[in-house]
N, C-alpha and C. Protein backbone atom coordinates (compact mmCIF):
# COMPACT_ATOMS: atom_id res chain seq x y z
N MET A 1 33.35 35.36 -12.89
CA MET A 1 33.26 35.22 -14.32
C MET A 1 31.79 35.05 -14.71
N PRO A 2 31.11 36.15 -14.81
CA PRO A 2 29.65 36.09 -15.02
C PRO A 2 29.19 35.55 -16.37
N HIS A 3 29.99 35.57 -17.38
CA HIS A 3 29.54 35.15 -18.72
C HIS A 3 30.01 33.74 -19.10
N THR A 4 30.67 33.07 -18.21
CA THR A 4 31.23 31.75 -18.51
C THR A 4 30.14 30.74 -18.88
N GLN A 5 29.03 30.72 -18.15
CA GLN A 5 27.97 29.76 -18.43
C GLN A 5 27.36 29.98 -19.82
N SER A 6 27.16 31.24 -20.20
CA SER A 6 26.62 31.54 -21.53
C SER A 6 27.60 31.11 -22.62
N LEU A 7 28.87 31.39 -22.41
CA LEU A 7 29.89 30.99 -23.37
C LEU A 7 29.93 29.47 -23.50
N LEU A 8 29.86 28.78 -22.37
CA LEU A 8 29.92 27.32 -22.39
C LEU A 8 28.69 26.73 -23.07
N ARG A 9 27.53 27.32 -22.84
CA ARG A 9 26.30 26.83 -23.48
C ARG A 9 26.42 26.88 -25.00
N VAL A 10 26.90 27.99 -25.53
CA VAL A 10 27.05 28.12 -26.98
C VAL A 10 28.19 27.24 -27.49
N ALA A 11 29.28 27.19 -26.76
CA ALA A 11 30.42 26.36 -27.17
C ALA A 11 30.04 24.89 -27.24
N ARG A 12 29.19 24.43 -26.34
CA ARG A 12 28.75 23.02 -26.37
C ARG A 12 27.95 22.73 -27.63
N ARG A 13 27.17 23.69 -28.10
CA ARG A 13 26.38 23.49 -29.31
C ARG A 13 27.23 23.58 -30.57
N LEU A 14 28.34 24.29 -30.49
CA LEU A 14 29.21 24.43 -31.65
C LEU A 14 30.22 23.30 -31.74
N SER A 15 30.62 22.77 -30.62
CA SER A 15 31.72 21.81 -30.57
C SER A 15 31.25 20.38 -30.66
N SER A 16 32.21 19.50 -30.90
CA SER A 16 31.92 18.08 -31.07
C SER A 16 31.83 17.34 -29.74
N SER A 17 32.35 17.91 -28.68
CA SER A 17 32.30 17.23 -27.38
C SER A 17 32.30 18.27 -26.27
N SER A 18 31.96 17.80 -25.10
CA SER A 18 31.94 18.67 -23.93
C SER A 18 33.36 19.15 -23.59
N ALA A 19 34.31 18.26 -23.73
CA ALA A 19 35.71 18.63 -23.45
C ALA A 19 36.20 19.69 -24.44
N ALA A 20 35.83 19.53 -25.72
CA ALA A 20 36.23 20.53 -26.72
C ALA A 20 35.58 21.87 -26.42
N ALA A 21 34.34 21.85 -25.94
CA ALA A 21 33.64 23.09 -25.59
C ALA A 21 34.32 23.79 -24.42
N GLU A 22 34.70 23.01 -23.42
CA GLU A 22 35.38 23.58 -22.26
C GLU A 22 36.73 24.17 -22.67
N ASP A 23 37.45 23.47 -23.53
CA ASP A 23 38.72 23.99 -24.04
C ASP A 23 38.51 25.29 -24.80
N LEU A 24 37.45 25.34 -25.60
CA LEU A 24 37.14 26.54 -26.38
C LEU A 24 36.84 27.73 -25.46
N VAL A 25 36.08 27.50 -24.41
CA VAL A 25 35.77 28.58 -23.46
C VAL A 25 37.03 29.00 -22.71
N GLN A 26 37.83 28.04 -22.33
CA GLN A 26 39.07 28.37 -21.63
C GLN A 26 39.98 29.22 -22.53
N GLU A 27 40.09 28.83 -23.78
CA GLU A 27 40.90 29.61 -24.73
C GLU A 27 40.31 31.01 -24.93
N THR A 28 38.99 31.10 -24.95
CA THR A 28 38.32 32.39 -25.10
C THR A 28 38.64 33.30 -23.92
N LEU A 29 38.53 32.77 -22.71
CA LEU A 29 38.80 33.59 -21.53
C LEU A 29 40.27 33.99 -21.46
N LEU A 30 41.15 33.08 -21.86
CA LEU A 30 42.58 33.40 -21.90
C LEU A 30 42.86 34.49 -22.93
N SER A 31 42.24 34.37 -24.11
CA SER A 31 42.42 35.40 -25.14
C SER A 31 41.86 36.74 -24.68
N GLY A 32 40.72 36.69 -23.99
CA GLY A 32 40.14 37.92 -23.46
C GLY A 32 41.04 38.57 -22.43
N TRP A 33 41.63 37.76 -21.58
CA TRP A 33 42.54 38.28 -20.56
C TRP A 33 43.77 38.91 -21.22
N ARG A 34 44.34 38.20 -22.21
CA ARG A 34 45.53 38.73 -22.90
C ARG A 34 45.22 40.00 -23.68
N GLY A 35 44.03 40.07 -24.25
CA GLY A 35 43.69 41.21 -25.09
C GLY A 35 42.81 42.23 -24.41
N PHE A 36 42.74 42.20 -23.08
CA PHE A 36 41.83 43.10 -22.38
C PHE A 36 42.17 44.57 -22.61
N HIS A 37 43.41 44.85 -22.91
CA HIS A 37 43.81 46.23 -23.18
C HIS A 37 43.13 46.77 -24.44
N ARG A 38 42.63 45.89 -25.30
CA ARG A 38 41.95 46.32 -26.52
C ARG A 38 40.45 46.51 -26.32
N PHE A 39 39.94 46.08 -25.16
CA PHE A 39 38.51 46.24 -24.88
C PHE A 39 38.20 47.71 -24.65
N ARG A 40 37.14 48.17 -25.32
CA ARG A 40 36.71 49.56 -25.14
C ARG A 40 35.62 49.60 -24.07
N PRO A 41 35.82 50.38 -23.02
CA PRO A 41 34.88 50.40 -21.89
C PRO A 41 33.43 50.77 -22.28
N ASP A 42 33.24 51.48 -23.35
CA ASP A 42 31.88 51.90 -23.73
C ASP A 42 31.15 50.84 -24.55
N THR A 43 31.72 49.63 -24.68
CA THR A 43 31.09 48.58 -25.48
C THR A 43 30.59 47.45 -24.57
N ASN A 44 29.91 46.49 -25.17
CA ASN A 44 29.31 45.36 -24.47
C ASN A 44 30.35 44.26 -24.29
N ILE A 45 30.75 44.01 -23.06
CA ILE A 45 31.79 43.00 -22.81
C ILE A 45 31.31 41.60 -23.16
N ARG A 46 30.02 41.33 -22.96
CA ARG A 46 29.48 40.01 -23.29
C ARG A 46 29.60 39.74 -24.79
N ALA A 47 29.24 40.73 -25.60
CA ALA A 47 29.35 40.60 -27.05
C ALA A 47 30.82 40.45 -27.45
N TRP A 48 31.69 41.17 -26.78
CA TRP A 48 33.13 41.10 -27.06
C TRP A 48 33.66 39.69 -26.80
N LEU A 49 33.23 39.08 -25.68
CA LEU A 49 33.67 37.71 -25.36
C LEU A 49 33.11 36.70 -26.36
N PHE A 50 31.87 36.89 -26.80
CA PHE A 50 31.30 35.98 -27.79
C PHE A 50 32.03 36.10 -29.12
N ARG A 51 32.45 37.29 -29.46
CA ARG A 51 33.23 37.47 -30.69
C ARG A 51 34.54 36.69 -30.60
N ILE A 52 35.19 36.77 -29.44
CA ILE A 52 36.43 36.02 -29.24
C ILE A 52 36.15 34.52 -29.32
N LEU A 53 35.07 34.06 -28.71
CA LEU A 53 34.69 32.64 -28.76
C LEU A 53 34.53 32.17 -30.20
N LEU A 54 33.79 32.94 -31.00
CA LEU A 54 33.57 32.54 -32.39
C LEU A 54 34.85 32.62 -33.21
N ASN A 55 35.67 33.63 -32.97
CA ASN A 55 36.97 33.70 -33.66
C ASN A 55 37.81 32.46 -33.34
N ASN A 56 37.84 32.07 -32.08
CA ASN A 56 38.60 30.87 -31.69
C ASN A 56 38.01 29.62 -32.31
N PHE A 57 36.68 29.54 -32.35
CA PHE A 57 36.02 28.38 -32.95
C PHE A 57 36.38 28.25 -34.42
N TYR A 58 36.28 29.35 -35.15
CA TYR A 58 36.59 29.30 -36.58
C TYR A 58 38.08 29.05 -36.82
N ALA A 59 38.93 29.54 -35.92
CA ALA A 59 40.37 29.33 -36.06
C ALA A 59 40.74 27.86 -35.87
N GLN A 60 39.99 27.16 -35.06
CA GLN A 60 40.28 25.74 -34.82
C GLN A 60 39.91 24.87 -36.02
N GLY A 61 39.11 25.42 -36.90
CA GLY A 61 38.81 24.72 -38.14
C GLY A 61 37.79 23.61 -38.02
N ARG A 62 37.83 22.73 -38.94
CA ARG A 62 36.80 21.70 -39.08
C ARG A 62 36.84 20.63 -38.00
N LYS A 63 37.91 20.49 -37.28
CA LYS A 63 37.98 19.41 -36.30
C LYS A 63 36.91 19.54 -35.21
N LEU A 64 36.51 20.77 -34.87
CA LEU A 64 35.46 20.94 -33.87
C LEU A 64 34.07 20.85 -34.47
N ARG A 65 33.97 20.89 -35.78
CA ARG A 65 32.65 20.89 -36.42
C ARG A 65 32.12 19.49 -36.68
N ALA A 66 32.87 18.47 -36.30
CA ALA A 66 32.41 17.10 -36.50
C ALA A 66 31.14 16.88 -35.68
N ALA A 67 30.27 16.06 -36.20
CA ALA A 67 29.02 15.79 -35.50
C ALA A 67 29.30 15.14 -34.15
N PRO A 68 28.56 15.53 -33.12
CA PRO A 68 28.78 14.95 -31.81
C PRO A 68 28.32 13.50 -31.76
N ALA A 69 28.99 12.74 -30.94
CA ALA A 69 28.58 11.34 -30.77
C ALA A 69 27.34 11.31 -29.90
N MET A 70 26.27 10.77 -30.44
CA MET A 70 25.02 10.70 -29.69
C MET A 70 25.02 9.42 -28.85
N VAL A 71 24.59 9.54 -27.64
CA VAL A 71 24.47 8.38 -26.78
C VAL A 71 23.19 7.65 -27.18
N PRO A 72 23.32 6.39 -27.57
CA PRO A 72 22.12 5.68 -28.00
C PRO A 72 21.17 5.46 -26.83
N LEU A 73 19.90 5.63 -27.10
CA LEU A 73 18.88 5.40 -26.09
C LEU A 73 18.35 3.98 -26.23
N THR A 74 17.93 3.44 -25.13
CA THR A 74 17.29 2.14 -25.19
C THR A 74 15.91 2.32 -25.80
N PRO A 75 15.33 1.28 -26.37
CA PRO A 75 14.02 1.42 -27.00
C PRO A 75 12.94 1.94 -26.07
N ASP A 76 13.05 1.69 -24.77
CA ASP A 76 12.02 2.12 -23.83
C ASP A 76 12.35 3.44 -23.14
N ALA A 77 13.40 4.11 -23.54
CA ALA A 77 13.82 5.34 -22.86
C ALA A 77 12.77 6.42 -22.95
N HIS A 78 12.06 6.51 -24.07
CA HIS A 78 11.05 7.56 -24.21
C HIS A 78 9.86 7.35 -23.28
N LYS A 79 9.65 6.13 -22.81
CA LYS A 79 8.55 5.86 -21.87
C LYS A 79 8.83 6.49 -20.52
N PHE A 80 10.09 6.59 -20.17
CA PHE A 80 10.45 7.11 -18.87
C PHE A 80 10.61 8.62 -18.85
N SER A 81 10.96 9.19 -19.99
CA SER A 81 11.19 10.63 -20.02
C SER A 81 10.86 11.21 -21.39
N PRO A 82 9.61 11.55 -21.63
CA PRO A 82 9.26 12.16 -22.91
C PRO A 82 9.91 13.54 -23.07
N VAL A 83 10.16 14.21 -21.95
CA VAL A 83 10.83 15.51 -22.02
C VAL A 83 12.25 15.35 -22.54
N LEU A 84 12.94 14.32 -22.07
CA LEU A 84 14.30 14.04 -22.54
C LEU A 84 14.29 13.72 -24.03
N ASP A 85 13.30 12.94 -24.45
CA ASP A 85 13.18 12.58 -25.86
C ASP A 85 12.99 13.83 -26.73
N GLU A 86 12.13 14.73 -26.29
CA GLU A 86 11.90 15.97 -27.03
C GLU A 86 13.15 16.84 -27.05
N ALA A 87 13.81 16.94 -25.92
CA ALA A 87 15.03 17.75 -25.84
C ALA A 87 16.11 17.20 -26.76
N MET A 88 16.22 15.88 -26.83
CA MET A 88 17.22 15.28 -27.71
C MET A 88 16.86 15.51 -29.17
N GLU A 89 15.58 15.49 -29.48
CA GLU A 89 15.15 15.73 -30.86
C GLU A 89 15.46 17.17 -31.28
N VAL A 90 15.22 18.12 -30.38
CA VAL A 90 15.55 19.52 -30.67
C VAL A 90 17.06 19.67 -30.83
N SER A 91 17.82 19.00 -29.96
CA SER A 91 19.28 19.07 -30.04
C SER A 91 19.79 18.49 -31.36
N ARG A 92 19.21 17.37 -31.79
CA ARG A 92 19.60 16.78 -33.07
C ARG A 92 19.28 17.71 -34.24
N ALA A 93 18.10 18.31 -34.20
CA ALA A 93 17.71 19.24 -35.27
C ALA A 93 18.65 20.43 -35.30
N LEU A 94 19.04 20.92 -34.14
CA LEU A 94 19.96 22.05 -34.07
C LEU A 94 21.33 21.67 -34.61
N GLN A 95 21.81 20.47 -34.29
CA GLN A 95 23.12 20.02 -34.78
C GLN A 95 23.14 19.86 -36.30
N ARG A 96 21.99 19.57 -36.91
CA ARG A 96 21.93 19.38 -38.36
C ARG A 96 21.96 20.69 -39.13
N LEU A 97 21.75 21.80 -38.43
CA LEU A 97 21.80 23.10 -39.11
C LEU A 97 23.23 23.40 -39.55
N GLU A 98 23.34 24.20 -40.60
CA GLU A 98 24.66 24.69 -41.00
C GLU A 98 25.22 25.53 -39.85
N THR A 99 26.53 25.57 -39.74
CA THR A 99 27.18 26.28 -38.64
C THR A 99 26.74 27.74 -38.57
N GLU A 100 26.63 28.42 -39.70
CA GLU A 100 26.24 29.83 -39.71
C GLU A 100 24.83 30.01 -39.17
N HIS A 101 23.93 29.12 -39.55
CA HIS A 101 22.54 29.22 -39.08
C HIS A 101 22.44 28.87 -37.60
N ARG A 102 23.16 27.83 -37.19
CA ARG A 102 23.14 27.42 -35.79
C ARG A 102 23.71 28.52 -34.90
N THR A 103 24.78 29.15 -35.34
CA THR A 103 25.41 30.21 -34.56
C THR A 103 24.47 31.39 -34.37
N VAL A 104 23.82 31.83 -35.43
CA VAL A 104 22.88 32.96 -35.33
C VAL A 104 21.71 32.60 -34.42
N LEU A 105 21.18 31.40 -34.55
CA LEU A 105 20.07 30.97 -33.72
C LEU A 105 20.47 30.94 -32.25
N LEU A 106 21.66 30.43 -31.96
CA LEU A 106 22.13 30.39 -30.58
C LEU A 106 22.32 31.80 -30.01
N LEU A 107 22.91 32.69 -30.79
CA LEU A 107 23.15 34.04 -30.30
C LEU A 107 21.85 34.80 -30.07
N CYS A 108 20.94 34.76 -31.04
CA CYS A 108 19.72 35.57 -30.96
C CYS A 108 18.63 34.95 -30.09
N VAL A 109 18.41 33.67 -30.23
CA VAL A 109 17.30 33.04 -29.52
C VAL A 109 17.72 32.55 -28.13
N VAL A 110 18.81 31.84 -28.06
CA VAL A 110 19.22 31.26 -26.78
C VAL A 110 19.87 32.31 -25.88
N GLU A 111 20.79 33.08 -26.43
CA GLU A 111 21.54 34.05 -25.62
C GLU A 111 20.89 35.43 -25.55
N GLY A 112 19.91 35.69 -26.39
CA GLY A 112 19.15 36.93 -26.30
C GLY A 112 19.80 38.17 -26.89
N PHE A 113 20.80 38.00 -27.73
CA PHE A 113 21.39 39.15 -28.40
C PHE A 113 20.42 39.66 -29.45
N THR A 114 20.43 40.97 -29.68
CA THR A 114 19.63 41.53 -30.76
C THR A 114 20.31 41.19 -32.09
N CYS A 115 19.59 41.38 -33.18
CA CYS A 115 20.19 41.13 -34.50
C CYS A 115 21.37 42.05 -34.73
N ARG A 116 21.26 43.28 -34.28
CA ARG A 116 22.37 44.23 -34.44
C ARG A 116 23.59 43.77 -33.66
N GLU A 117 23.39 43.31 -32.41
CA GLU A 117 24.51 42.82 -31.61
C GLU A 117 25.13 41.57 -32.24
N ALA A 118 24.28 40.66 -32.70
CA ALA A 118 24.78 39.44 -33.34
C ALA A 118 25.58 39.78 -34.60
N ALA A 119 25.12 40.78 -35.34
CA ALA A 119 25.84 41.21 -36.54
C ALA A 119 27.23 41.72 -36.16
N GLY A 120 27.31 42.45 -35.06
CA GLY A 120 28.61 42.93 -34.59
C GLY A 120 29.52 41.80 -34.14
N ILE A 121 28.94 40.82 -33.44
CA ILE A 121 29.72 39.68 -32.97
C ILE A 121 30.25 38.87 -34.14
N LEU A 122 29.40 38.66 -35.14
CA LEU A 122 29.78 37.83 -36.29
C LEU A 122 30.50 38.60 -37.38
N ASP A 123 30.49 39.93 -37.26
CA ASP A 123 31.12 40.80 -38.25
C ASP A 123 30.50 40.59 -39.64
N VAL A 124 29.17 40.56 -39.67
CA VAL A 124 28.42 40.46 -40.92
C VAL A 124 27.33 41.53 -40.89
N PRO A 125 26.75 41.89 -42.04
CA PRO A 125 25.67 42.87 -42.06
C PRO A 125 24.43 42.35 -41.31
N ILE A 126 23.64 43.27 -40.78
CA ILE A 126 22.45 42.91 -40.02
C ILE A 126 21.45 42.13 -40.88
N GLY A 127 21.38 42.45 -42.15
CA GLY A 127 20.49 41.72 -43.06
C GLY A 127 20.88 40.26 -43.19
N THR A 128 22.17 39.99 -43.14
CA THR A 128 22.65 38.61 -43.20
C THR A 128 22.22 37.86 -41.95
N VAL A 129 22.32 38.50 -40.80
CA VAL A 129 21.89 37.88 -39.55
C VAL A 129 20.39 37.59 -39.61
N MET A 130 19.63 38.55 -40.08
CA MET A 130 18.18 38.37 -40.14
C MET A 130 17.78 37.24 -41.10
N SER A 131 18.44 37.16 -42.24
CA SER A 131 18.10 36.09 -43.18
C SER A 131 18.54 34.73 -42.65
N ARG A 132 19.72 34.66 -42.02
CA ARG A 132 20.18 33.39 -41.45
C ARG A 132 19.25 32.94 -40.32
N LEU A 133 18.81 33.90 -39.52
CA LEU A 133 17.90 33.58 -38.42
C LEU A 133 16.58 33.05 -38.96
N SER A 134 16.08 33.68 -39.99
CA SER A 134 14.83 33.23 -40.60
C SER A 134 14.98 31.82 -41.17
N ARG A 135 16.07 31.59 -41.88
CA ARG A 135 16.30 30.27 -42.47
C ARG A 135 16.51 29.20 -41.39
N ALA A 136 17.20 29.57 -40.33
CA ALA A 136 17.44 28.62 -39.24
C ALA A 136 16.12 28.24 -38.56
N ARG A 137 15.28 29.23 -38.32
CA ARG A 137 13.98 28.94 -37.70
C ARG A 137 13.13 28.06 -38.60
N GLN A 138 13.14 28.35 -39.89
CA GLN A 138 12.35 27.56 -40.83
C GLN A 138 12.88 26.12 -40.90
N ALA A 139 14.19 25.96 -40.90
CA ALA A 139 14.78 24.62 -40.94
C ALA A 139 14.42 23.84 -39.67
N MET A 140 14.45 24.50 -38.53
CA MET A 140 14.06 23.84 -37.28
C MET A 140 12.59 23.45 -37.32
N ARG A 141 11.74 24.35 -37.78
CA ARG A 141 10.31 24.04 -37.90
C ARG A 141 10.09 22.82 -38.79
N THR A 142 10.75 22.81 -39.94
CA THR A 142 10.60 21.71 -40.88
C THR A 142 11.04 20.39 -40.26
N ARG A 143 12.21 20.39 -39.63
CA ARG A 143 12.73 19.15 -39.05
C ARG A 143 11.85 18.66 -37.90
N LEU A 144 11.40 19.59 -37.07
CA LEU A 144 10.59 19.17 -35.92
C LEU A 144 9.17 18.81 -36.34
N ASN A 145 8.62 19.48 -37.35
CA ASN A 145 7.29 19.12 -37.85
C ASN A 145 7.30 17.77 -38.53
N THR A 146 8.38 17.44 -39.21
CA THR A 146 8.51 16.13 -39.84
C THR A 146 8.47 15.04 -38.77
N ARG A 147 9.13 15.29 -37.67
CA ARG A 147 9.13 14.34 -36.55
C ARG A 147 7.72 14.20 -35.98
N LEU A 148 7.04 15.33 -35.78
CA LEU A 148 5.68 15.29 -35.23
C LEU A 148 4.73 14.56 -36.17
N ALA A 149 4.87 14.80 -37.46
CA ALA A 149 4.00 14.12 -38.44
C ALA A 149 4.22 12.61 -38.37
N GLY A 150 5.46 12.19 -38.22
CA GLY A 150 5.77 10.77 -38.09
C GLY A 150 5.18 10.16 -36.83
N LEU A 151 5.19 10.91 -35.74
CA LEU A 151 4.61 10.42 -34.49
C LEU A 151 3.09 10.29 -34.62
N GLU A 152 2.46 11.29 -35.24
CA GLU A 152 1.01 11.24 -35.43
C GLU A 152 0.62 10.05 -36.29
N TYR A 153 1.39 9.80 -37.36
CA TYR A 153 1.10 8.67 -38.24
C TYR A 153 1.25 7.35 -37.49
N ALA A 154 2.30 7.24 -36.70
CA ALA A 154 2.53 6.01 -35.93
C ALA A 154 1.40 5.81 -34.91
N GLY A 155 0.92 6.89 -34.31
CA GLY A 155 -0.18 6.79 -33.36
C GLY A 155 -1.46 6.35 -33.99
N LYS A 156 -1.73 6.79 -35.22
CA LYS A 156 -2.95 6.40 -35.94
C LYS A 156 -2.89 4.93 -36.32
N GLU A 157 -1.70 4.44 -36.68
CA GLU A 157 -1.58 3.02 -37.05
C GLU A 157 -1.80 2.13 -35.84
N ALA A 158 -1.44 2.61 -34.65
CA ALA A 158 -1.60 1.81 -33.44
C ALA A 158 -3.08 1.65 -33.10
N LEU A 159 -3.90 2.61 -33.51
CA LEU A 159 -5.34 2.52 -33.23
C LEU A 159 -5.94 1.49 -34.13
């Protein structure tokens, strides 16, 4: 199952928990198996599976869209792992995006689909994908720059 890890990576970002993400991927693979007779051999199977994943995600409704429970860090956690701190900040910024923007960002940036492929997966015009991608990138920049500005200010006060 060569695409399972990619599906799970995106499902974890869309879902409220790791268990919900695993269930979503399992349902996706089961749906793909049941509907394999509808797969056209001249098309991209990876894109086809992502389409099924997103269809299943939207079919499950709002219960999977709840914000994930963040594990609280101890006050000194950033001293031990600044990389973990940065990764968590990026993850939080990504979770704050609207579902449509987060989905396009995950498909195009993380999974490497072209805008045309993402448009096919999401069943929206390519211009919609491009505008959502642009807005998602700008929102991430804004959220992460705000964090950096706060860190710089805190560092200046310490001096």
